[in-house]
Structures are given as structure tokens and as C-alpha cells.
Amino acid sequence: MRRGFTVIEMAVVMALVLVLAGLAIPRFVKIRQESHLKRAQSELQLISQAVLQLAWDTGKWPGGISRAVQGDAELWDLSTDKAGLTKVDAALFKNWQGPYIDGVPLDPWGSPYFFDPDYTIAGTMQAVVGSFGPNKVGRNLYDNDNVFVVLK
């Protein structure tokens, strides 16, 4: 009498493990995607408050753009000094009362958050802070996976 498992028993166990993994992995991926989206939305809320405080104090958007001018002056990385959120470029901002935020992180997909004063939403231009989302496609290429907060 030999001890151990037969090839058939091992194959059945492996099949069960693969079925369970096949059920669990897609759910894990979905949960991770939802987690990244919620993190981006939360960080964008904080960043938007910092941008609005900067605008109220100085009359300018990140990059030294006048709030009165709606135009094509995007800032693709809000962590830079030019943004005016963490440090000031005295030539760009008068009445600066910051820092307005301790630091601007990268989005959950590893890209910088951006500011766009003329982001098109349903045919209307809006000032937004945002993320290019999981596909990291951006710079005036609006697609369905972008995550943003409209500044009001």
C-alpha cells in the first residue's frame, strides 16, 4: 500500500484552486480600482480647497493666471512652485497667505494632479483640478476615466 495523492486527486485540487482564484482576482481588481478612484476624489477635494483659497487671497489661479480670464493656461503639475499652493513665486502672486496645502501628492496612478481653467464639460468650459485617471491620457484629451472637481 502506497501513501500520497494520485494524479487525479492533485488535478482536482488544482482545478478547485484555479476556479477560486478566477472568482477572487476580478473582485480584487475591482475593489482596488474603486479604492484608487475614491482616493483621487478625496485628494482632489483637498486640493480644490487649497486652489480656491489661493484664488481668494491673490485673485489668481495656479500658475499666476488671473481668475477674470478664462483661457488656455493649464498647469499640468500642481506640486510645482509655479502652482503657488505650497510655496510662492513672488513674481506671480501678491497677497499670498500660504502654504495652502502641505504638499500635492501624485494621483493613485502615479501622475501629477492638474489645473485646467477651461476644461470642457458637456460643452461648457469650467475651471477644474483633476487627474488623468488610470489610462494617464490627458493634456486637453478629455476622456471618461478623468477624475476632476469643478472649482466654484
N, C-alpha and C. Protein backbone atom coordinates (compact mmCIF):
# COMPACT_ATOMS: atom_id res chain seq x y z
N MET A 1 0.84 -1.16 0.00
CA MET A 1 0.00 0.00 0.00
C MET A 1 0.90 1.25 0.00
N ARG A 2 0.67 2.14 -1.01
CA ARG A 2 1.46 3.37 -1.11
C ARG A 2 0.70 4.53 -0.52
N ARG A 3 1.45 5.46 0.05
CA ARG A 3 0.84 6.66 0.61
C ARG A 3 1.08 7.84 -0.33
N GLY A 4 0.18 8.83 -0.31
CA GLY A 4 0.33 10.01 -1.16
C GLY A 4 -0.94 10.25 -1.96
N PHE A 5 -0.87 11.21 -2.83
CA PHE A 5 -2.02 11.58 -3.65
C PHE A 5 -1.83 11.05 -5.06
N THR A 6 -2.93 10.72 -5.67
CA THR A 6 -2.88 10.28 -7.07
C THR A 6 -2.85 11.51 -7.96
N VAL A 7 -2.52 11.34 -9.19
CA VAL A 7 -2.51 12.43 -10.17
C VAL A 7 -3.90 13.03 -10.31
N ILE A 8 -4.91 12.20 -10.27
CA ILE A 8 -6.29 12.68 -10.41
C ILE A 8 -6.66 13.56 -9.21
N GLU A 9 -6.32 13.14 -8.01
CA GLU A 9 -6.61 13.95 -6.82
C GLU A 9 -5.89 15.30 -6.90
N MET A 10 -4.65 15.30 -7.33
CA MET A 10 -3.89 16.55 -7.46
C MET A 10 -4.52 17.45 -8.51
N ALA A 11 -4.98 16.87 -9.60
CA ALA A 11 -5.61 17.65 -10.67
C ALA A 11 -6.91 18.28 -10.18
N VAL A 12 -7.70 17.54 -9.39
CA VAL A 12 -8.95 18.08 -8.85
C VAL A 12 -8.67 19.24 -7.90
N VAL A 13 -7.69 19.09 -7.05
CA VAL A 13 -7.33 20.16 -6.11
C VAL A 13 -6.86 21.39 -6.89
N MET A 14 -6.01 21.20 -7.87
CA MET A 14 -5.52 22.32 -8.68
C MET A 14 -6.66 23.01 -9.41
N ALA A 15 -7.61 22.25 -9.92
CA ALA A 15 -8.77 22.82 -10.61
C ALA A 15 -9.59 23.68 -9.65
N LEU A 16 -9.80 23.19 -8.43
CA LEU A 16 -10.55 23.96 -7.44
C LEU A 16 -9.81 25.25 -7.09
N VAL A 17 -8.52 25.18 -6.92
CA VAL A 17 -7.73 26.38 -6.61
C VAL A 17 -7.84 27.39 -7.75
N LEU A 18 -7.75 26.92 -8.98
CA LEU A 18 -7.86 27.83 -10.13
C LEU A 18 -9.24 28.45 -10.24
N VAL A 19 -10.28 27.70 -9.97
CA VAL A 19 -11.64 28.25 -10.00
C VAL A 19 -11.80 29.33 -8.93
N LEU A 20 -11.34 29.04 -7.73
CA LEU A 20 -11.44 30.03 -6.65
C LEU A 20 -10.63 31.29 -6.98
N ALA A 21 -9.44 31.11 -7.52
CA ALA A 21 -8.62 32.27 -7.92
C ALA A 21 -9.31 33.05 -9.02
N GLY A 22 -9.92 32.35 -9.95
CA GLY A 22 -10.63 33.01 -11.04
C GLY A 22 -11.81 33.84 -10.56
N LEU A 23 -12.40 33.44 -9.46
CA LEU A 23 -13.50 34.20 -8.88
C LEU A 23 -12.99 35.37 -8.04
N ALA A 24 -11.90 35.17 -7.34
CA ALA A 24 -11.40 36.18 -6.41
C ALA A 24 -10.62 37.30 -7.09
N ILE A 25 -9.82 37.00 -8.08
CA ILE A 25 -8.95 38.01 -8.69
C ILE A 25 -9.74 39.16 -9.33
N PRO A 26 -10.77 38.91 -10.13
CA PRO A 26 -11.52 40.04 -10.69
C PRO A 26 -12.15 40.93 -9.61
N ARG A 27 -12.62 40.33 -8.56
CA ARG A 27 -13.20 41.12 -7.47
C ARG A 27 -12.14 41.98 -6.80
N PHE A 28 -10.96 41.42 -6.59
CA PHE A 28 -9.85 42.17 -6.00
C PHE A 28 -9.47 43.35 -6.89
N VAL A 29 -9.40 43.13 -8.20
CA VAL A 29 -9.06 44.20 -9.14
C VAL A 29 -10.11 45.31 -9.09
N LYS A 30 -11.38 44.93 -9.04
CA LYS A 30 -12.46 45.92 -8.99
C LYS A 30 -12.39 46.73 -7.70
N ILE A 31 -12.15 46.08 -6.58
CA ILE A 31 -12.04 46.78 -5.30
C ILE A 31 -10.85 47.74 -5.32
N ARG A 32 -9.76 47.31 -5.91
CA ARG A 32 -8.57 48.17 -5.98
C ARG A 32 -8.85 49.40 -6.86
N GLN A 33 -9.53 49.22 -7.98
CA GLN A 33 -9.88 50.35 -8.85
C GLN A 33 -10.79 51.33 -8.13
N GLU A 34 -11.78 50.82 -7.40
CA GLU A 34 -12.69 51.68 -6.65
C GLU A 34 -11.94 52.43 -5.56
N SER A 35 -10.99 51.78 -4.93
CA SER A 35 -10.18 52.41 -3.89
C SER A 35 -9.35 53.55 -4.48
N HIS A 36 -8.74 53.33 -5.65
CA HIS A 36 -7.96 54.39 -6.30
C HIS A 36 -8.86 55.58 -6.66
N LEU A 37 -10.03 55.30 -7.16
CA LEU A 37 -10.96 56.36 -7.54
C LEU A 37 -11.37 57.19 -6.32
N LYS A 38 -11.70 56.52 -5.22
CA LYS A 38 -12.09 57.24 -4.00
C LYS A 38 -10.94 58.06 -3.44
N ARG A 39 -9.73 57.51 -3.50
CA ARG A 39 -8.56 58.26 -3.03
C ARG A 39 -8.35 59.51 -3.89
N ALA A 40 -8.46 59.38 -5.20
CA ALA A 40 -8.29 60.52 -6.10
C ALA A 40 -9.35 61.58 -5.82
N GLN A 41 -10.60 61.16 -5.63
CA GLN A 41 -11.67 62.12 -5.34
C GLN A 41 -11.42 62.85 -4.03
N SER A 42 -10.97 62.13 -3.03
CA SER A 42 -10.69 62.74 -1.72
C SER A 42 -9.54 63.74 -1.82
N GLU A 43 -8.46 63.34 -2.49
CA GLU A 43 -7.31 64.25 -2.64
C GLU A 43 -7.69 65.47 -3.47
N LEU A 44 -8.51 65.27 -4.48
CA LEU A 44 -8.94 66.40 -5.31
C LEU A 44 -9.81 67.39 -4.52
N GLN A 45 -10.61 66.89 -3.59
CA GLN A 45 -11.38 67.80 -2.74
C GLN A 45 -10.45 68.70 -1.92
N LEU A 46 -9.41 68.09 -1.34
CA LEU A 46 -8.45 68.87 -0.55
C LEU A 46 -7.70 69.87 -1.42
N ILE A 47 -7.25 69.42 -2.59
CA ILE A 47 -6.51 70.30 -3.50
C ILE A 47 -7.41 71.43 -3.99
N SER A 48 -8.66 71.13 -4.29
CA SER A 48 -9.57 72.17 -4.77
C SER A 48 -9.78 73.25 -3.72
N GLN A 49 -9.86 72.87 -2.46
CA GLN A 49 -9.99 73.86 -1.40
C GLN A 49 -8.75 74.74 -1.33
N ALA A 50 -7.57 74.15 -1.50
CA ALA A 50 -6.33 74.92 -1.50
C ALA A 50 -6.28 75.88 -2.68
N VAL A 51 -6.70 75.41 -3.85
CA VAL A 51 -6.71 76.26 -5.05
C VAL A 51 -7.68 77.42 -4.86
N LEU A 52 -8.85 77.15 -4.32
CA LEU A 52 -9.82 78.23 -4.09
C LEU A 52 -9.32 79.24 -3.07
N GLN A 53 -8.64 78.77 -2.02
CA GLN A 53 -8.09 79.71 -1.03
C GLN A 53 -7.01 80.59 -1.67
N LEU A 54 -6.15 79.99 -2.49
CA LEU A 54 -5.15 80.75 -3.24
C LEU A 54 -5.83 81.81 -4.10
N ALA A 55 -6.88 81.42 -4.80
CA ALA A 55 -7.59 82.34 -5.69
C ALA A 55 -8.27 83.47 -4.91
N TRP A 56 -8.84 83.15 -3.75
CA TRP A 56 -9.48 84.20 -2.94
C TRP A 56 -8.44 85.19 -2.42
N ASP A 57 -7.29 84.69 -1.98
CA ASP A 57 -6.26 85.56 -1.42
C ASP A 57 -5.58 86.42 -2.49
N THR A 58 -5.29 85.85 -3.64
CA THR A 58 -4.45 86.52 -4.63
C THR A 58 -5.20 86.99 -5.87
N GLY A 59 -6.41 86.48 -6.09
CA GLY A 59 -7.13 86.81 -7.32
C GLY A 59 -6.62 86.04 -8.52
N LYS A 60 -5.77 85.03 -8.26
CA LYS A 60 -5.17 84.27 -9.36
C LYS A 60 -5.32 82.77 -9.14
N TRP A 61 -5.41 82.07 -10.26
CA TRP A 61 -5.40 80.62 -10.25
C TRP A 61 -3.96 80.14 -10.18
N PRO A 62 -3.74 78.85 -9.98
CA PRO A 62 -2.37 78.31 -10.03
C PRO A 62 -1.67 78.70 -11.33
N GLY A 63 -0.40 79.01 -11.20
CA GLY A 63 0.37 79.46 -12.36
C GLY A 63 0.32 80.96 -12.55
N GLY A 64 -0.37 81.66 -11.65
CA GLY A 64 -0.46 83.11 -11.76
C GLY A 64 -1.48 83.60 -12.76
N ILE A 65 -2.42 82.75 -13.11
CA ILE A 65 -3.45 83.08 -14.10
C ILE A 65 -4.56 83.87 -13.40
N SER A 66 -4.92 85.02 -13.96
CA SER A 66 -5.99 85.83 -13.39
C SER A 66 -7.30 85.05 -13.41
N ARG A 67 -8.05 85.14 -12.30
CA ARG A 67 -9.35 84.46 -12.25
C ARG A 67 -10.33 85.05 -13.24
N ALA A 68 -10.10 86.31 -13.63
CA ALA A 68 -11.02 87.00 -14.53
C ALA A 68 -10.88 86.53 -15.98
N VAL A 69 -9.77 85.87 -16.29
CA VAL A 69 -9.51 85.45 -17.66
C VAL A 69 -9.75 83.95 -17.80
N GLN A 70 -10.66 83.60 -18.68
CA GLN A 70 -10.87 82.18 -18.95
C GLN A 70 -10.08 81.87 -20.21
N GLY A 71 -9.12 80.99 -20.09
CA GLY A 71 -8.28 80.78 -21.25
C GLY A 71 -7.53 79.48 -21.20
N ASP A 72 -6.54 79.43 -22.04
CA ASP A 72 -5.81 78.20 -22.30
C ASP A 72 -4.49 78.19 -21.55
N ALA A 73 -4.51 78.29 -20.25
CA ALA A 73 -3.28 78.33 -19.46
C ALA A 73 -3.30 77.24 -18.39
N GLU A 74 -3.30 76.00 -18.84
CA GLU A 74 -3.33 74.88 -17.92
C GLU A 74 -2.02 74.76 -17.15
N LEU A 75 -2.09 74.16 -15.99
CA LEU A 75 -0.88 73.82 -15.23
C LEU A 75 -0.95 72.32 -15.00
N TRP A 76 -0.03 71.59 -15.58
CA TRP A 76 -0.12 70.14 -15.60
C TRP A 76 0.45 69.46 -14.37
N ASP A 77 1.05 70.22 -13.46
CA ASP A 77 1.60 69.63 -12.23
C ASP A 77 1.41 70.61 -11.09
N LEU A 78 0.45 70.34 -10.22
CA LEU A 78 0.15 71.25 -9.11
C LEU A 78 1.13 71.16 -7.95
N SER A 79 2.13 70.29 -8.05
CA SER A 79 3.11 70.18 -6.97
C SER A 79 4.28 71.16 -7.17
N THR A 80 4.32 71.86 -8.29
CA THR A 80 5.42 72.77 -8.57
C THR A 80 5.24 74.10 -7.83
N ASP A 81 6.34 74.82 -7.67
CA ASP A 81 6.28 76.14 -7.03
C ASP A 81 5.41 77.11 -7.84
N LYS A 82 5.39 76.95 -9.16
CA LYS A 82 4.60 77.82 -10.02
C LYS A 82 3.11 77.75 -9.69
N ALA A 83 2.67 76.61 -9.14
CA ALA A 83 1.25 76.47 -8.79
C ALA A 83 0.87 77.41 -7.66
N GLY A 84 1.81 77.70 -6.75
CA GLY A 84 1.53 78.62 -5.65
C GLY A 84 0.81 78.00 -4.47
N LEU A 85 0.68 76.70 -4.44
CA LEU A 85 -0.05 76.07 -3.34
C LEU A 85 0.81 75.79 -2.12
N THR A 86 2.07 75.43 -2.34
CA THR A 86 2.96 75.08 -1.23
C THR A 86 4.04 76.12 -0.99
N LYS A 87 4.49 76.76 -2.06
CA LYS A 87 5.49 77.83 -1.99
C LYS A 87 5.05 78.91 -2.95
N VAL A 88 5.64 80.08 -2.79
CA VAL A 88 5.21 81.19 -3.63
C VAL A 88 6.32 81.63 -4.58
N ASP A 89 5.90 81.94 -5.78
CA ASP A 89 6.74 82.66 -6.73
C ASP A 89 6.25 84.10 -6.62
N ALA A 90 7.02 84.94 -5.92
CA ALA A 90 6.59 86.30 -5.60
C ALA A 90 6.22 87.10 -6.85
N ALA A 91 6.83 86.77 -7.98
CA ALA A 91 6.50 87.50 -9.21
C ALA A 91 5.09 87.16 -9.71
N LEU A 92 4.57 86.01 -9.33
CA LEU A 92 3.25 85.59 -9.81
C LEU A 92 2.11 85.94 -8.86
N PHE A 93 2.40 85.97 -7.55
CA PHE A 93 1.31 86.09 -6.57
C PHE A 93 1.58 87.21 -5.55
N LYS A 94 0.68 88.18 -5.52
CA LYS A 94 0.69 89.19 -4.46
C LYS A 94 -0.38 88.78 -3.46
N ASN A 95 -0.21 89.15 -2.22
CA ASN A 95 -1.15 88.82 -1.14
C ASN A 95 -1.21 87.32 -0.85
N TRP A 96 -0.15 86.60 -1.16
CA TRP A 96 -0.09 85.16 -0.92
C TRP A 96 -0.07 84.92 0.58
N GLN A 97 -0.95 84.07 1.08
CA GLN A 97 -1.06 83.78 2.51
C GLN A 97 -0.76 82.32 2.83
N GLY A 98 -0.17 81.60 1.90
CA GLY A 98 0.03 80.16 2.05
C GLY A 98 1.16 79.79 2.98
N PRO A 99 1.51 78.53 3.04
CA PRO A 99 1.08 77.48 2.12
C PRO A 99 -0.38 77.07 2.34
N TYR A 100 -1.02 76.70 1.26
CA TYR A 100 -2.43 76.35 1.29
C TYR A 100 -2.65 74.84 1.46
N ILE A 101 -1.59 74.09 1.27
CA ILE A 101 -1.65 72.64 1.44
C ILE A 101 -0.22 72.19 1.75
N ASP A 102 -0.07 71.15 2.56
CA ASP A 102 1.27 70.69 2.95
C ASP A 102 2.07 70.16 1.77
N GLY A 103 1.43 69.55 0.84
CA GLY A 103 2.08 69.01 -0.35
C GLY A 103 1.03 68.44 -1.27
N VAL A 104 1.34 68.40 -2.54
CA VAL A 104 0.41 67.85 -3.52
C VAL A 104 0.98 66.51 -3.97
N PRO A 105 0.31 65.42 -3.62
CA PRO A 105 0.82 64.08 -3.98
C PRO A 105 0.57 63.78 -5.45
N LEU A 106 1.14 62.70 -5.90
CA LEU A 106 0.77 62.16 -7.21
C LEU A 106 -0.58 61.48 -7.07
N ASP A 107 -1.30 61.38 -8.15
CA ASP A 107 -2.59 60.68 -8.09
C ASP A 107 -2.35 59.18 -7.88
N PRO A 108 -3.37 58.42 -7.59
CA PRO A 108 -3.19 56.98 -7.31
C PRO A 108 -2.57 56.17 -8.45
N TRP A 109 -2.55 56.74 -9.65
CA TRP A 109 -1.99 56.04 -10.80
C TRP A 109 -0.58 56.54 -11.14
N GLY A 110 -0.04 57.43 -10.27
CA GLY A 110 1.34 57.88 -10.42
C GLY A 110 1.55 59.11 -11.27
N SER A 111 0.50 59.83 -11.61
CA SER A 111 0.61 61.05 -12.41
C SER A 111 0.33 62.27 -11.54
N PRO A 112 0.84 63.45 -11.94
CA PRO A 112 0.54 64.66 -11.18
C PRO A 112 -0.92 65.10 -11.36
N TYR A 113 -1.46 65.74 -10.36
CA TYR A 113 -2.77 66.38 -10.49
C TYR A 113 -2.58 67.66 -11.30
N PHE A 114 -3.64 68.08 -12.02
CA PHE A 114 -3.54 69.25 -12.88
C PHE A 114 -4.62 70.28 -12.57
N PHE A 115 -4.40 71.51 -13.09
CA PHE A 115 -5.38 72.57 -13.05
C PHE A 115 -5.66 72.98 -14.49
N ASP A 116 -6.94 73.07 -14.84
CA ASP A 116 -7.34 73.48 -16.19
C ASP A 116 -8.46 74.50 -16.07
N PRO A 117 -8.20 75.76 -16.45
CA PRO A 117 -9.24 76.79 -16.31
C PRO A 117 -10.32 76.73 -17.38
N ASP A 118 -10.12 75.90 -18.41
CA ASP A 118 -11.13 75.82 -19.47
C ASP A 118 -11.42 74.37 -19.86
N TYR A 119 -11.62 73.54 -18.86
CA TYR A 119 -11.94 72.13 -19.07
C TYR A 119 -13.38 72.05 -19.58
N THR A 120 -13.59 71.36 -20.66
CA THR A 120 -14.91 71.30 -21.28
C THR A 120 -15.73 70.16 -20.69
N ILE A 121 -16.88 70.53 -20.10
CA ILE A 121 -17.80 69.56 -19.53
C ILE A 121 -19.17 69.83 -20.16
N ALA A 122 -19.67 68.87 -20.90
CA ALA A 122 -20.97 69.00 -21.57
C ALA A 122 -21.05 70.30 -22.37
N GLY A 123 -19.97 70.64 -23.08
CA GLY A 123 -19.96 71.82 -23.93
C GLY A 123 -19.69 73.13 -23.23
N THR A 124 -19.50 73.10 -21.92
CA THR A 124 -19.25 74.32 -21.14
C THR A 124 -17.85 74.26 -20.55
N MET A 125 -17.14 75.40 -20.62
CA MET A 125 -15.80 75.45 -20.03
C MET A 125 -15.91 75.72 -18.54
N GLN A 126 -15.20 74.91 -17.76
CA GLN A 126 -15.18 75.04 -16.30
C GLN A 126 -13.73 75.02 -15.82
N ALA A 127 -13.46 75.70 -14.72
CA ALA A 127 -12.16 75.59 -14.06
C ALA A 127 -12.20 74.34 -13.18
N VAL A 128 -11.21 73.45 -13.35
CA VAL A 128 -11.18 72.21 -12.59
C VAL A 128 -9.78 71.90 -12.11
N VAL A 129 -9.70 71.10 -11.05
CA VAL A 129 -8.49 70.37 -10.70
C VAL A 129 -8.82 68.92 -10.97
N GLY A 130 -7.82 68.18 -11.48
CA GLY A 130 -8.15 66.82 -11.86
C GLY A 130 -6.97 65.89 -11.98
N SER A 131 -7.33 64.67 -12.35
CA SER A 131 -6.39 63.58 -12.59
C SER A 131 -6.74 62.98 -13.94
N PHE A 132 -5.74 62.52 -14.67
CA PHE A 132 -5.99 61.89 -15.96
C PHE A 132 -6.54 60.47 -15.81
N GLY A 133 -6.59 59.97 -14.59
CA GLY A 133 -7.19 58.67 -14.34
C GLY A 133 -6.27 57.50 -14.66
N PRO A 134 -6.81 56.30 -14.65
CA PRO A 134 -6.00 55.09 -14.82
C PRO A 134 -5.24 55.01 -16.15
N ASN A 135 -5.82 55.57 -17.23
CA ASN A 135 -5.12 55.44 -18.51
C ASN A 135 -4.04 56.50 -18.71
N LYS A 136 -3.99 57.49 -17.82
CA LYS A 136 -2.97 58.55 -17.81
C LYS A 136 -2.95 59.38 -19.09
N VAL A 137 -4.02 59.35 -19.86
CA VAL A 137 -4.11 60.13 -21.08
C VAL A 137 -4.71 61.47 -20.74
N GLY A 138 -4.04 62.54 -21.14
CA GLY A 138 -4.55 63.84 -20.78
C GLY A 138 -4.05 64.95 -21.65
N ARG A 139 -3.84 66.08 -21.03
CA ARG A 139 -3.43 67.32 -21.70
C ARG A 139 -4.37 67.64 -22.85
N ASN A 140 -5.54 68.10 -22.47
CA ASN A 140 -6.60 68.52 -23.40
C ASN A 140 -7.25 67.36 -24.16
N LEU A 141 -7.05 66.14 -23.70
CA LEU A 141 -7.73 64.99 -24.27
C LEU A 141 -8.71 64.48 -23.21
N TYR A 142 -9.92 64.95 -23.28
CA TYR A 142 -10.91 64.61 -22.27
C TYR A 142 -11.48 63.23 -22.55
N ASP A 143 -11.38 62.34 -21.59
CA ASP A 143 -11.97 61.02 -21.76
C ASP A 143 -12.73 60.62 -20.50
N ASN A 144 -13.38 59.48 -20.55
CA ASN A 144 -14.30 59.09 -19.49
C ASN A 144 -13.64 58.67 -18.19
N ASP A 145 -12.33 58.42 -18.18
CA ASP A 145 -11.73 58.00 -16.92
C ASP A 145 -11.07 59.14 -16.16
N ASN A 146 -11.12 60.37 -16.69
CA ASN A 146 -10.60 61.51 -15.93
C ASN A 146 -11.42 61.70 -14.66
N VAL A 147 -10.74 62.10 -13.61
CA VAL A 147 -11.39 62.40 -12.34
C VAL A 147 -11.12 63.87 -12.06
N PHE A 148 -12.16 64.65 -11.74
CA PHE A 148 -11.95 66.08 -11.55
C PHE A 148 -12.97 66.66 -10.58
N VAL A 149 -12.63 67.84 -10.07
CA VAL A 149 -13.53 68.61 -9.23
C VAL A 149 -13.66 69.99 -9.87
N VAL A 150 -14.89 70.43 -10.08
CA VAL A 150 -15.15 71.76 -10.64
C VAL A 150 -14.97 72.79 -9.53
N LEU A 151 -14.22 73.84 -9.82
CA LEU A 151 -13.99 74.92 -8.86
C LEU A 151 -15.12 75.94 -8.96
N LYS A 152 -15.73 76.25 -7.84
CA LYS A 152 -16.85 77.20 -7.83
C LYS A 152 -16.58 78.34 -6.90
